[in-house]
Amino acid sequence: MARQPARLITPKGKTINLPPEVYKQVKQLLSAQSRRRSRAKMTTAIRAAYGKYAGGPSLTKALLAERAAERAREEAKLKRLHG
């Protein structure tokens, strides 16, 4: 089965046939750009939320208590199943 040539479709709808090496380079560039954008968005969200719940109940303590309860439920279930 013959491989189809790689094609790049521009935002304006123009199709450009690409050699395999060029396709790999374009793919790497696009992948790197999308990672950078998402990291920037994540950093912005973290900075916006930093200190938002300061002075309130500890979310870490609540999370640890929830996880301990979940582990207890898992242990009880395993004891029921395995005796």
PDB file of N, CA and C in Angstrom:
ATOM      1  N   MET A   1       0.848  -1.184   0.000  1.00  0.00           N
ATOM      2  CA  MET A   1       0.000   0.000   0.000  1.00  0.00           C
ATOM      3  C   MET A   1       0.891   1.244   0.000  1.00  0.00           C
ATOM      4  N   ALA A   2       0.691   2.114  -0.931  1.00  0.00           N
ATOM      5  CA  ALA A   2       1.497   3.321  -1.056  1.00  0.00           C
ATOM      6  C   ALA A   2       1.074   4.356  -0.024  1.00  0.00           C
ATOM      7  N   ARG A   3       2.070   5.035   0.507  1.00  0.00           N
ATOM      8  CA  ARG A   3       1.774   6.091   1.480  1.00  0.00           C
ATOM      9  C   ARG A   3       1.356   7.358   0.755  1.00  0.00           C
ATOM     10  N   GLN A   4       0.375   8.032   1.313  1.00  0.00           N
ATOM     11  CA  GLN A   4      -0.045   9.302   0.749  1.00  0.00           C
ATOM     12  C   GLN A   4       0.942  10.381   1.158  1.00  0.00           C
ATOM     13  N   PRO A   5       1.141  11.358   0.307  1.00  0.00           N
ATOM     14  CA  PRO A   5       2.037  12.448   0.700  1.00  0.00           C
ATOM     15  C   PRO A   5       1.399  13.249   1.847  1.00  0.00           C
ATOM     16  N   ALA A   6       2.257  13.777   2.700  1.00  0.00           N
ATOM     17  CA  ALA A   6       1.755  14.607   3.787  1.00  0.00           C
ATOM     18  C   ALA A   6       1.245  15.914   3.205  1.00  0.00           C
ATOM     19  N   ARG A   7       0.128  16.375   3.728  1.00  0.00           N
ATOM     20  CA  ARG A   7      -0.451  17.624   3.232  1.00  0.00           C
ATOM     21  C   ARG A   7      -0.678  18.571   4.386  1.00  0.00           C
ATOM     22  N   LEU A   8      -0.379  19.807   4.147  1.00  0.00           N
ATOM     23  CA  LEU A   8      -0.648  20.862   5.111  1.00  0.00           C
ATOM     24  C   LEU A   8      -1.770  21.707   4.540  1.00  0.00           C
ATOM     25  N   ILE A   9      -2.801  21.903   5.318  1.00  0.00           N
ATOM     26  CA  ILE A   9      -3.913  22.735   4.869  1.00  0.00           C
ATOM     27  C   ILE A   9      -3.840  24.038   5.655  1.00  0.00           C
ATOM     28  N   THR A  10      -3.697  25.125   4.940  1.00  0.00           N
ATOM     29  CA  THR A  10      -3.559  26.439   5.572  1.00  0.00           C
ATOM     30  C   THR A  10      -4.909  26.914   6.101  1.00  0.00           C
ATOM     31  N   PRO A  11      -4.903  27.912   6.985  1.00  0.00           N
ATOM     32  CA  PRO A  11      -6.184  28.451   7.472  1.00  0.00           C
ATOM     33  C   PRO A  11      -7.087  28.970   6.353  1.00  0.00           C
ATOM     34  N   LYS A  12      -6.488  29.345   5.227  1.00  0.00           N
ATOM     35  CA  LYS A  12      -7.289  29.826   4.098  1.00  0.00           C
ATOM     36  C   LYS A  12      -7.772  28.696   3.209  1.00  0.00           C
ATOM     37  N   GLY A  13      -7.418  27.431   3.559  1.00  0.00           N
ATOM     38  CA  GLY A  13      -7.889  26.282   2.809  1.00  0.00           C
ATOM     39  C   GLY A  13      -6.964  25.811   1.705  1.00  0.00           C
ATOM     40  N   LYS A  14      -5.815  26.431   1.552  1.00  0.00           N
ATOM     41  CA  LYS A  14      -4.859  26.016   0.523  1.00  0.00           C
ATOM     42  C   LYS A  14      -4.161  24.743   0.985  1.00  0.00           C
ATOM     43  N   THR A  15      -4.021  23.758   0.092  1.00  0.00           N
ATOM     44  CA  THR A  15      -3.355  22.499   0.404  1.00  0.00           C
ATOM     45  C   THR A  15      -1.940  22.521  -0.145  1.00  0.00           C
ATOM     46  N   ILE A  16      -0.974  22.162   0.719  1.00  0.00           N
ATOM     47  CA  ILE A  16       0.425  22.131   0.318  1.00  0.00           C
ATOM     48  C   ILE A  16       0.948  20.720   0.579  1.00  0.00           C
ATOM     49  N   ASN A  17       1.463  20.052  -0.465  1.00  0.00           N
ATOM     50  CA  ASN A  17       2.073  18.742  -0.300  1.00  0.00           C
ATOM     51  C   ASN A  17       3.467  18.919   0.292  1.00  0.00           C
ATOM     52  N   LEU A  18       3.785  18.118   1.301  1.00  0.00           N
ATOM     53  CA  LEU A  18       5.063  18.246   1.992  1.00  0.00           C
ATOM     54  C   LEU A  18       5.871  16.962   1.906  1.00  0.00           C
ATOM     55  N   PRO A  19       7.184  17.085   1.717  1.00  0.00           N
ATOM     56  CA  PRO A  19       8.044  15.905   1.823  1.00  0.00           C
ATOM     57  C   PRO A  19       8.032  15.413   3.273  1.00  0.00           C
ATOM     58  N   PRO A  20       8.293  14.135   3.516  1.00  0.00           N
ATOM     59  CA  PRO A  20       8.223  13.589   4.873  1.00  0.00           C
ATOM     60  C   PRO A  20       9.071  14.336   5.905  1.00  0.00           C
ATOM     61  N   GLU A  21      10.282  14.743   5.537  1.00  0.00           N
ATOM     62  CA  GLU A  21      11.145  15.452   6.489  1.00  0.00           C
ATOM     63  C   GLU A  21      10.560  16.805   6.878  1.00  0.00           C
ATOM     64  N   VAL A  22      10.028  17.518   5.903  1.00  0.00           N
ATOM     65  CA  VAL A  22       9.430  18.824   6.182  1.00  0.00           C
ATOM     66  C   VAL A  22       8.197  18.633   7.060  1.00  0.00           C
ATOM     67  N   TYR A  23       7.417  17.594   6.769  1.00  0.00           N
ATOM     68  CA  TYR A  23       6.225  17.306   7.571  1.00  0.00           C
ATOM     69  C   TYR A  23       6.606  17.083   9.034  1.00  0.00           C
ATOM     70  N   LYS A  24       7.668  16.307   9.280  1.00  0.00           N
ATOM     71  CA  LYS A  24       8.107  16.043  10.652  1.00  0.00           C
ATOM     72  C   LYS A  24       8.510  17.333  11.350  1.00  0.00           C
ATOM     73  N   GLN A  25       9.206  18.210  10.627  1.00  0.00           N
ATOM     74  CA  GLN A  25       9.622  19.481  11.211  1.00  0.00           C
ATOM     75  C   GLN A  25       8.416  20.358  11.556  1.00  0.00           C
ATOM     76  N   VAL A  26       7.462  20.435  10.645  1.00  0.00           N
ATOM     77  CA  VAL A  26       6.254  21.234  10.888  1.00  0.00           C
ATOM     78  C   VAL A  26       5.483  20.668  12.073  1.00  0.00           C
ATOM     79  N   LYS A  27       5.370  19.351  12.137  1.00  0.00           N
ATOM     80  CA  LYS A  27       4.658  18.701  13.242  1.00  0.00           C
ATOM     81  C   LYS A  27       5.324  19.016  14.578  1.00  0.00           C
ATOM     82  N   GLN A  28       6.659  18.975  14.623  1.00  0.00           N
ATOM     83  CA  GLN A  28       7.377  19.294  15.851  1.00  0.00           C
ATOM     84  C   GLN A  28       7.160  20.743  16.256  1.00  0.00           C
ATOM     85  N   LEU A  29       7.192  21.655  15.300  1.00  0.00           N
ATOM     86  CA  LEU A  29       6.971  23.066  15.601  1.00  0.00           C
ATOM     87  C   LEU A  29       5.569  23.310  16.155  1.00  0.00           C
ATOM     88  N   LEU A  30       4.575  22.720  15.514  1.00  0.00           N
ATOM     89  CA  LEU A  30       3.195  22.898  15.976  1.00  0.00           C
ATOM     90  C   LEU A  30       2.993  22.291  17.354  1.00  0.00           C
ATOM     91  N   SER A  31       3.595  21.146  17.594  1.00  0.00           N
ATOM     92  CA  SER A  31       3.480  20.495  18.888  1.00  0.00           C
ATOM     93  C   SER A  31       4.116  21.350  19.976  1.00  0.00           C
ATOM     94  N   ALA A  32       5.282  21.899  19.706  1.00  0.00           N
ATOM     95  CA  ALA A  32       5.979  22.743  20.683  1.00  0.00           C
ATOM     96  C   ALA A  32       5.180  23.999  20.971  1.00  0.00           C
ATOM     97  N   GLN A  33       4.575  24.589  19.952  1.00  0.00           N
ATOM     98  CA  GLN A  33       3.791  25.808  20.160  1.00  0.00           C
ATOM     99  C   GLN A  33       2.562  25.527  21.006  1.00  0.00           C
ATOM    100  N   SER A  34       1.879  24.410  20.771  1.00  0.00           N
ATOM    101  CA  SER A  34       0.665  24.118  21.542  1.00  0.00           C
ATOM    102  C   SER A  34       1.011  23.852  22.997  1.00  0.00           C
ATOM    103  N   ARG A  35       2.167  23.215  23.269  1.00  0.00           N
ATOM    104  CA  ARG A  35       2.581  22.979  24.644  1.00  0.00           C
ATOM    105  C   ARG A  35       2.887  24.298  25.345  1.00  0.00           C
ATOM    106  N   ARG A  36       3.548  25.192  24.644  1.00  0.00           N
ATOM    107  CA  ARG A  36       3.880  26.480  25.252  1.00  0.00           C
ATOM    108  C   ARG A  36       2.626  27.259  25.605  1.00  0.00           C
ATOM    109  N   ARG A  37       1.662  27.246  24.728  1.00  0.00           N
ATOM    110  CA  ARG A  37       0.429  27.978  25.004  1.00  0.00           C
ATOM    111  C   ARG A  37      -0.280  27.407  26.215  1.00  0.00           C
ATOM    112  N   SER A  38      -0.386  26.081  26.294  1.00  0.00           N
ATOM    113  CA  SER A  38      -1.111  25.494  27.401  1.00  0.00           C
ATOM    114  C   SER A  38      -0.365  25.729  28.710  1.00  0.00           C
ATOM    115  N   ARG A  39       0.960  25.707  28.691  1.00  0.00           N
ATOM    116  CA  ARG A  39       1.732  25.985  29.899  1.00  0.00           C
ATOM    117  C   ARG A  39       1.508  27.427  30.340  1.00  0.00           C
ATOM    118  N   ALA A  40       1.453  28.350  29.388  1.00  0.00           N
ATOM    119  CA  ALA A  40       1.212  29.752  29.714  1.00  0.00           C
ATOM    120  C   ALA A  40      -0.179  29.933  30.315  1.00  0.00           C
ATOM    121  N   LYS A  41      -1.147  29.236  29.758  1.00  0.00           N
ATOM    122  CA  LYS A  41      -2.509  29.321  30.301  1.00  0.00           C
ATOM    123  C   LYS A  41      -2.553  28.758  31.714  1.00  0.00           C
ATOM    124  N   MET A  42      -1.848  27.646  31.931  1.00  0.00           N
ATOM    125  CA  MET A  42      -1.818  27.031  33.246  1.00  0.00           C
ATOM    126  C   MET A  42      -1.168  27.973  34.256  1.00  0.00           C
ATOM    127  N   THR A  43      -0.067  28.584  33.871  1.00  0.00           N
ATOM    128  CA  THR A  43       0.623  29.518  34.759  1.00  0.00           C
ATOM    129  C   THR A  43      -0.278  30.696  35.109  1.00  0.00           C
ATOM    130  N   THR A  44      -0.999  31.198  34.130  1.00  0.00           N
ATOM    131  CA  THR A  44      -1.926  32.306  34.371  1.00  0.00           C
ATOM    132  C   THR A  44      -3.017  31.893  35.349  1.00  0.00           C
ATOM    133  N   ALA A  45      -3.564  30.709  35.171  1.00  0.00           N
ATOM    134  CA  ALA A  45      -4.620  30.226  36.069  1.00  0.00           C
ATOM    135  C   ALA A  45      -4.091  30.039  37.484  1.00  0.00           C
ATOM    136  N   ILE A  46      -2.886  29.495  37.612  1.00  0.00           N
ATOM    137  CA  ILE A  46      -2.307  29.292  38.938  1.00  0.00           C
ATOM    138  C   ILE A  46      -2.083  30.636  39.620  1.00  0.00           C
ATOM    139  N   ARG A  47      -1.527  31.579  38.889  1.00  0.00           N
ATOM    140  CA  ARG A  47      -1.281  32.905  39.478  1.00  0.00           C
ATOM    141  C   ARG A  47      -2.576  33.590  39.880  1.00  0.00           C
ATOM    142  N   ALA A  48      -3.616  33.415  39.090  1.00  0.00           N
ATOM    143  CA  ALA A  48      -4.903  34.043  39.402  1.00  0.00           C
ATOM    144  C   ALA A  48      -5.523  33.438  40.661  1.00  0.00           C
ATOM    145  N   ALA A  49      -5.300  32.143  40.883  1.00  0.00           N
ATOM    146  CA  ALA A  49      -5.913  31.465  42.026  1.00  0.00           C
ATOM    147  C   ALA A  49      -5.031  31.479  43.274  1.00  0.00           C
ATOM    148  N   TYR A  50      -3.765  31.858  43.127  1.00  0.00           N
ATOM    149  CA  TYR A  50      -2.831  31.821  44.249  1.00  0.00           C
ATOM    150  C   TYR A  50      -3.348  32.687  45.398  1.00  0.00           C
ATOM    151  N   GLY A  51      -3.498  32.084  46.555  1.00  0.00           N
ATOM    152  CA  GLY A  51      -3.954  32.799  47.743  1.00  0.00           C
ATOM    153  C   GLY A  51      -5.446  33.052  47.792  1.00  0.00           C
ATOM    154  N   LYS A  52      -6.171  32.561  46.823  1.00  0.00           N
ATOM    155  CA  LYS A  52      -7.610  32.829  46.737  1.00  0.00           C
ATOM    156  C   LYS A  52      -8.358  32.312  47.963  1.00  0.00           C
ATOM    157  N   TYR A  53      -7.912  31.181  48.511  1.00  0.00           N
ATOM    158  CA  TYR A  53      -8.612  30.584  49.643  1.00  0.00           C
ATOM    159  C   TYR A  53      -7.841  30.733  50.946  1.00  0.00           C
ATOM    160  N   ALA A  54      -6.869  31.623  50.985  1.00  0.00           N
ATOM    161  CA  ALA A  54      -6.095  31.847  52.204  1.00  0.00           C
ATOM    162  C   ALA A  54      -7.026  32.353  53.310  1.00  0.00           C
ATOM    163  N   GLY A  55      -6.822  31.838  54.508  1.00  0.00           N
ATOM    164  CA  GLY A  55      -7.648  32.259  55.630  1.00  0.00           C
ATOM    165  C   GLY A  55      -8.902  31.412  55.801  1.00  0.00           C
ATOM    166  N   GLY A  56      -9.222  30.597  54.812  1.00  0.00           N
ATOM    167  CA  GLY A  56     -10.384  29.729  54.903  1.00  0.00           C
ATOM    168  C   GLY A  56      -9.969  28.356  55.404  1.00  0.00           C
ATOM    169  N   PRO A  57     -10.875  27.402  55.337  1.00  0.00           N
ATOM    170  CA  PRO A  57     -10.521  26.046  55.773  1.00  0.00           C
ATOM    171  C   PRO A  57      -9.420  25.475  54.871  1.00  0.00           C
ATOM    172  N   SER A  58      -8.578  24.646  55.448  1.00  0.00           N
ATOM    173  CA  SER A  58      -7.456  24.079  54.709  1.00  0.00           C
ATOM    174  C   SER A  58      -7.965  23.066  53.684  1.00  0.00           C
ATOM    175  N   LEU A  59      -7.729  23.371  52.427  1.00  0.00           N
ATOM    176  CA  LEU A  59      -8.136  22.461  51.366  1.00  0.00           C
ATOM    177  C   LEU A  59      -7.252  21.221  51.353  1.00  0.00           C
ATOM    178  N   THR A  60      -5.990  21.372  51.763  1.00  0.00           N
ATOM    179  CA  THR A  60      -5.083  20.229  51.814  1.00  0.00           C
ATOM    180  C   THR A  60      -5.550  19.237  52.875  1.00  0.00           C
ATOM    181  N   LYS A  61      -5.919  19.743  54.048  1.00  0.00           N
ATOM    182  CA  LYS A  61      -6.408  18.852  55.110  1.00  0.00           C
ATOM    183  C   LYS A  61      -7.682  18.147  54.673  1.00  0.00           C
ATOM    184  N   ALA A  62      -8.566  18.870  54.013  1.00  0.00           N
ATOM    185  CA  ALA A  62      -9.810  18.269  53.528  1.00  0.00           C
ATOM    186  C   ALA A  62      -9.514  17.184  52.495  1.00  0.00           C
ATOM    187  N   LEU A  63      -8.561  17.443  51.608  1.00  0.00           N
ATOM    188  CA  LEU A  63      -8.195  16.463  50.592  1.00  0.00           C
ATOM    189  C   LEU A  63      -7.581  15.219  51.233  1.00  0.00           C
ATOM    190  N   LEU A  64      -6.696  15.412  52.229  1.00  0.00           N
ATOM    191  CA  LEU A  64      -6.087  14.273  52.909  1.00  0.00           C
ATOM    192  C   LEU A  64      -7.126  13.453  53.666  1.00  0.00           C
ATOM    193  N   ALA A  65      -8.090  14.116  54.299  1.00  0.00           N
ATOM    194  CA  ALA A  65      -9.154  13.403  55.010  1.00  0.00           C
ATOM    195  C   ALA A  65     -10.016  12.607  54.029  1.00  0.00           C
ATOM    196  N   GLU A  66     -10.313  13.217  52.882  1.00  0.00           N
ATOM    197  CA  GLU A  66     -11.107  12.524  51.856  1.00  0.00           C
ATOM    198  C   GLU A  66     -10.362  11.293  51.344  1.00  0.00           C
ATOM    199  N   ARG A  67      -9.065  11.444  51.132  1.00  0.00           N
ATOM    200  CA  ARG A  67      -8.260  10.312  50.640  1.00  0.00           C
ATOM    201  C   ARG A  67      -8.175   9.202  51.682  1.00  0.00           C
ATOM    202  N   ALA A  68      -8.051   9.562  52.971  1.00  0.00           N
ATOM    203  CA  ALA A  68      -8.017   8.558  54.038  1.00  0.00           C
ATOM    204  C   ALA A  68      -9.336   7.787  54.088  1.00  0.00           C
ATOM    205  N   ALA A  69     -10.448   8.492  53.938  1.00  0.00           N
ATOM    206  CA  ALA A  69     -11.752   7.829  53.929  1.00  0.00           C
ATOM    207  C   ALA A  69     -11.872   6.902  52.722  1.00  0.00           C
ATOM    208  N   GLU A  70     -11.357   7.355  51.588  1.00  0.00           N
ATOM    209  CA  GLU A  70     -11.396   6.529  50.376  1.00  0.00           C
ATOM    210  C   GLU A  70     -10.568   5.256  50.567  1.00  0.00           C
ATOM    211  N   ARG A  71      -9.394   5.390  51.165  1.00  0.00           N
ATOM    212  CA  ARG A  71      -8.564   4.212  51.429  1.00  0.00           C
ATOM    213  C   ARG A  71      -9.255   3.243  52.384  1.00  0.00           C
ATOM    214  N   ALA A  72      -9.930   3.774  53.398  1.00  0.00           N
ATOM    215  CA  ALA A  72     -10.653   2.929  54.345  1.00  0.00           C
ATOM    216  C   ALA A  72     -11.758   2.155  53.626  1.00  0.00           C
ATOM    217  N   ARG A  73     -12.472   2.831  52.727  1.00  0.00           N
ATOM    218  CA  ARG A  73     -13.518   2.147  51.947  1.00  0.00           C
ATOM    219  C   ARG A  73     -12.911   1.049  51.076  1.00  0.00           C
ATOM    220  N   GLU A  74     -11.761   1.346  50.449  1.00  0.00           N
ATOM    221  CA  GLU A  74     -11.095   0.345  49.615  1.00  0.00           C
ATOM    222  C   GLU A  74     -10.665  -0.863  50.444  1.00  0.00           C
ATOM    223  N   GLU A  75     -10.092  -0.599  51.620  1.00  0.00           N
ATOM    224  CA  GLU A  75      -9.664  -1.683  52.511  1.00  0.00           C
ATOM    225  C   GLU A  75     -10.857  -2.556  52.923  1.00  0.00           C
ATOM    226  N   ALA A  76     -11.971  -1.912  53.301  1.00  0.00           N
ATOM    227  CA  ALA A  76     -13.172  -2.651  53.705  1.00  0.00           C
ATOM    228  C   ALA A  76     -13.700  -3.510  52.556  1.00  0.00           C
ATOM    229  N   LYS A  77     -13.673  -2.945  51.357  1.00  0.00           N
ATOM    230  CA  LYS A  77     -14.142  -3.694  50.189  1.00  0.00           C
ATOM    231  C   LYS A  77     -13.246  -4.908  49.923  1.00  0.00           C
ATOM    232  N   LEU A  78     -11.930  -4.718  50.026  1.00  0.00           N
ATOM    233  CA  LEU A  78     -11.009  -5.833  49.821  1.00  0.00           C
ATOM    234  C   LEU A  78     -11.207  -6.916  50.876  1.00  0.00           C
ATOM    235  N   LYS A  79     -11.450  -6.532  52.122  1.00  0.00           N
ATOM    236  CA  LYS A  79     -11.683  -7.508  53.180  1.00  0.00           C
ATOM    237  C   LYS A  79     -12.956  -8.304  52.918  1.00  0.00           C
ATOM    238  N   ARG A  80     -13.987  -7.615  52.427  1.00  0.00           N
ATOM    239  CA  ARG A  80     -15.234  -8.324  52.098  1.00  0.00           C
ATOM    240  C   ARG A  80     -15.015  -9.311  50.962  1.00  0.00           C
ATOM    241  N   LEU A  81     -14.251  -8.902  49.950  1.00  0.00           N
ATOM    242  CA  LEU A  81     -14.058  -9.753  48.788  1.00  0.00           C
ATOM    243  C   LEU A  81     -13.106 -10.923  49.053  1.00  0.00           C
ATOM    244  N   HIS A  82     -12.070 -10.663  49.835  1.00  0.00           N
ATOM    245  CA  HIS A  82     -11.039 -11.677  50.043  1.00  0.00           C
ATOM    246  C   HIS A  82     -11.043 -12.300  51.429  1.00  0.00           C
ATOM    247  N   GLY A  83     -11.971 -11.907  52.256  1.00  0.00           N
ATOM    248  CA  GLY A  83     -12.088 -12.516  53.579  1.00  0.00           C
ATOM    249  C   GLY A  83     -11.186 -12.033  54.577  1.00  0.00           C
TER     250      GLY A  83
END
